[in-house]
Amino acid sequence: MTGSASAEWMLGPERDDEGHMTVRLREVQCRDCGETSGANPEQGVTDRWALRHTVDRGHRYYREIISADLVTQPAPTNPLYEQETVR
């Protein structure tokens, strides 16, 4: 996108053509050893990894990491607002 640096912008989730948020990725990281499940859009996959890791290693503390794509769009007060399709 182009425009004036002084124009107002909004930051929000990227959406598909139907207005749905794009796929978010979830990852689980063991707080004891730092190993991770790998990013996956399905929560069940990362949950099963953590449960298996607990059984295999005895580690019980985890961190959830969520990744979502963001996009900037012209704010209603930005001259580009009317020129661009806001998804």
C-alpha atoms as a PDB file:
ATOM      1  CA  MET A   1       0.000   0.000   0.000  1.00  0.00           C
ATOM      2  CA  THR A   2       1.136   3.524  -0.651  1.00  0.00           C
ATOM      3  CA  GLY A   3       0.150   6.764   0.929  1.00  0.00           C
ATOM      4  CA  SER A   4       1.222   9.632   3.082  1.00  0.00           C
ATOM      5  CA  ALA A   5       3.217   8.790   6.196  1.00  0.00           C
ATOM      6  CA  SER A   6       0.974  11.191   8.117  1.00  0.00           C
ATOM      7  CA  ALA A   7      -2.269   9.503   7.038  1.00  0.00           C
ATOM      8  CA  GLU A   8      -4.060   7.342   9.598  1.00  0.00           C
ATOM      9  CA  TRP A   9      -3.871   3.565   9.400  1.00  0.00           C
ATOM     10  CA  MET A  10      -5.458   0.630  11.215  1.00  0.00           C
ATOM     11  CA  LEU A  11      -3.793  -2.679  12.090  1.00  0.00           C
ATOM     12  CA  GLY A  12      -5.947  -5.778  12.290  1.00  0.00           C
ATOM     13  CA  PRO A  13      -6.278  -9.446  11.402  1.00  0.00           C
ATOM     14  CA  GLU A  14      -5.913 -10.425   7.773  1.00  0.00           C
ATOM     15  CA  ARG A  15      -9.206 -11.682   6.335  1.00  0.00           C
ATOM     16  CA  ASP A  16     -10.098 -13.785   3.318  1.00  0.00           C
ATOM     17  CA  ASP A  17     -12.519 -12.649   0.589  1.00  0.00           C
ATOM     18  CA  GLU A  18     -15.487 -13.796   2.700  1.00  0.00           C
ATOM     19  CA  GLY A  19     -14.370 -11.758   5.728  1.00  0.00           C
ATOM     20  CA  HIS A  20     -13.081 -14.678   7.808  1.00  0.00           C
ATOM     21  CA  MET A  21      -9.792 -14.365   9.658  1.00  0.00           C
ATOM     22  CA  THR A  22      -6.973 -16.220   7.949  1.00  0.00           C
ATOM     23  CA  VAL A  23      -5.748 -19.398   9.626  1.00  0.00           C
ATOM     24  CA  ARG A  24      -4.002 -18.847  12.921  1.00  0.00           C
ATOM     25  CA  LEU A  25      -1.191 -21.147  13.906  1.00  0.00           C
ATOM     26  CA  ARG A  26      -0.764 -22.572  17.386  1.00  0.00           C
ATOM     27  CA  GLU A  27       2.432 -23.949  18.846  1.00  0.00           C
ATOM     28  CA  VAL A  28       3.158 -25.413  22.278  1.00  0.00           C
ATOM     29  CA  GLN A  29       6.581 -25.002  23.837  1.00  0.00           C
ATOM     30  CA  CYS A  30       7.882 -26.973  26.811  1.00  0.00           C
ATOM     31  CA  ARG A  31       9.018 -24.518  29.484  1.00  0.00           C
ATOM     32  CA  ASP A  32      11.402 -27.096  30.949  1.00  0.00           C
ATOM     33  CA  CYS A  33      13.487 -27.916  27.856  1.00  0.00           C
ATOM     34  CA  GLY A  34      12.332 -25.498  25.141  1.00  0.00           C
ATOM     35  CA  GLU A  35      11.200 -28.179  22.662  1.00  0.00           C
ATOM     36  CA  THR A  36       8.162 -27.232  20.596  1.00  0.00           C
ATOM     37  CA  SER A  37       5.304 -29.014  18.915  1.00  0.00           C
ATOM     38  CA  GLY A  38       5.793 -27.120  15.685  1.00  0.00           C
ATOM     39  CA  ALA A  39       3.162 -24.704  14.400  1.00  0.00           C
ATOM     40  CA  ASN A  40      -0.179 -26.195  13.409  1.00  0.00           C
ATOM     41  CA  PRO A  41      -3.674 -24.754  12.873  1.00  0.00           C
ATOM     42  CA  GLU A  42      -5.253 -27.722  14.698  1.00  0.00           C
ATOM     43  CA  GLN A  43      -5.245 -27.450  18.493  1.00  0.00           C
ATOM     44  CA  GLY A  44      -5.617 -31.211  18.900  1.00  0.00           C
ATOM     45  CA  VAL A  45      -2.283 -31.809  17.166  1.00  0.00           C
ATOM     46  CA  THR A  46      -0.360 -29.515  19.496  1.00  0.00           C
ATOM     47  CA  ASP A  47      -2.236 -30.746  22.578  1.00  0.00           C
ATOM     48  CA  ARG A  48      -1.371 -34.354  21.756  1.00  0.00           C
ATOM     49  CA  TRP A  49       2.271 -33.383  21.331  1.00  0.00           C
ATOM     50  CA  ALA A  50       2.314 -31.812  24.822  1.00  0.00           C
ATOM     51  CA  LEU A  51       0.643 -34.836  26.387  1.00  0.00           C
ATOM     52  CA  ARG A  52       3.086 -37.206  24.674  1.00  0.00           C
ATOM     53  CA  HIS A  53       6.004 -34.989  25.749  1.00  0.00           C
ATOM     54  CA  THR A  54       4.798 -35.209  29.363  1.00  0.00           C
ATOM     55  CA  VAL A  55       4.674 -39.001  29.154  1.00  0.00           C
ATOM     56  CA  ASP A  56       8.056 -39.288  27.417  1.00  0.00           C
ATOM     57  CA  ARG A  57      10.002 -36.636  29.354  1.00  0.00           C
ATOM     58  CA  GLY A  58       8.008 -35.989  32.518  1.00  0.00           C
ATOM     59  CA  HIS A  59       7.840 -32.252  31.764  1.00  0.00           C
ATOM     60  CA  ARG A  60       4.591 -30.592  32.799  1.00  0.00           C
ATOM     61  CA  TYR A  61       4.858 -26.857  32.080  1.00  0.00           C
ATOM     62  CA  TYR A  62       4.139 -25.431  28.626  1.00  0.00           C
ATOM     63  CA  ARG A  63       3.726 -22.142  26.817  1.00  0.00           C
ATOM     64  CA  GLU A  64       1.133 -21.574  24.102  1.00  0.00           C
ATOM     65  CA  ILE A  65       2.321 -19.493  21.142  1.00  0.00           C
ATOM     66  CA  ILE A  66      -0.296 -18.151  18.730  1.00  0.00           C
ATOM     67  CA  SER A  67       0.605 -16.637  15.362  1.00  0.00           C
ATOM     68  CA  ALA A  68      -1.892 -14.661  13.336  1.00  0.00           C
ATOM     69  CA  ASP A  69      -1.339 -12.691  10.143  1.00  0.00           C
ATOM     70  CA  LEU A  70      -1.968  -8.961  10.428  1.00  0.00           C
ATOM     71  CA  VAL A  71      -2.503  -6.308   7.769  1.00  0.00           C
ATOM     72  CA  THR A  72      -2.597  -2.521   7.771  1.00  0.00           C
ATOM     73  CA  GLN A  73      -5.537  -0.779   6.144  1.00  0.00           C
ATOM     74  CA  PRO A  74      -6.390   2.879   5.640  1.00  0.00           C
ATOM     75  CA  ALA A  75      -8.468   4.310   8.489  1.00  0.00           C
ATOM     76  CA  PRO A  76     -11.756   6.023   7.555  1.00  0.00           C
ATOM     77  CA  THR A  77      -9.995   9.392   7.837  1.00  0.00           C
ATOM     78  CA  ASN A  78      -7.258   8.303   5.384  1.00  0.00           C
ATOM     79  CA  PRO A  79      -7.758   9.562   1.789  1.00  0.00           C
ATOM     80  CA  LEU A  80      -6.989   6.031   0.532  1.00  0.00           C
ATOM     81  CA  TYR A  81      -9.919   4.560   2.500  1.00  0.00           C
ATOM     82  CA  GLU A  82     -12.435   5.147  -0.300  1.00  0.00           C
ATOM     83  CA  GLN A  83      -9.981   4.019  -3.000  1.00  0.00           C
ATOM     84  CA  GLU A  84      -9.132   0.624  -1.540  1.00  0.00           C
ATOM     85  CA  THR A  85     -11.318  -2.343  -0.770  1.00  0.00           C
ATOM     86  CA  VAL A  86     -11.288  -2.876   2.986  1.00  0.00           C
ATOM     87  CA  ARG A  87     -11.350  -6.620   3.646  1.00  0.00           C
END
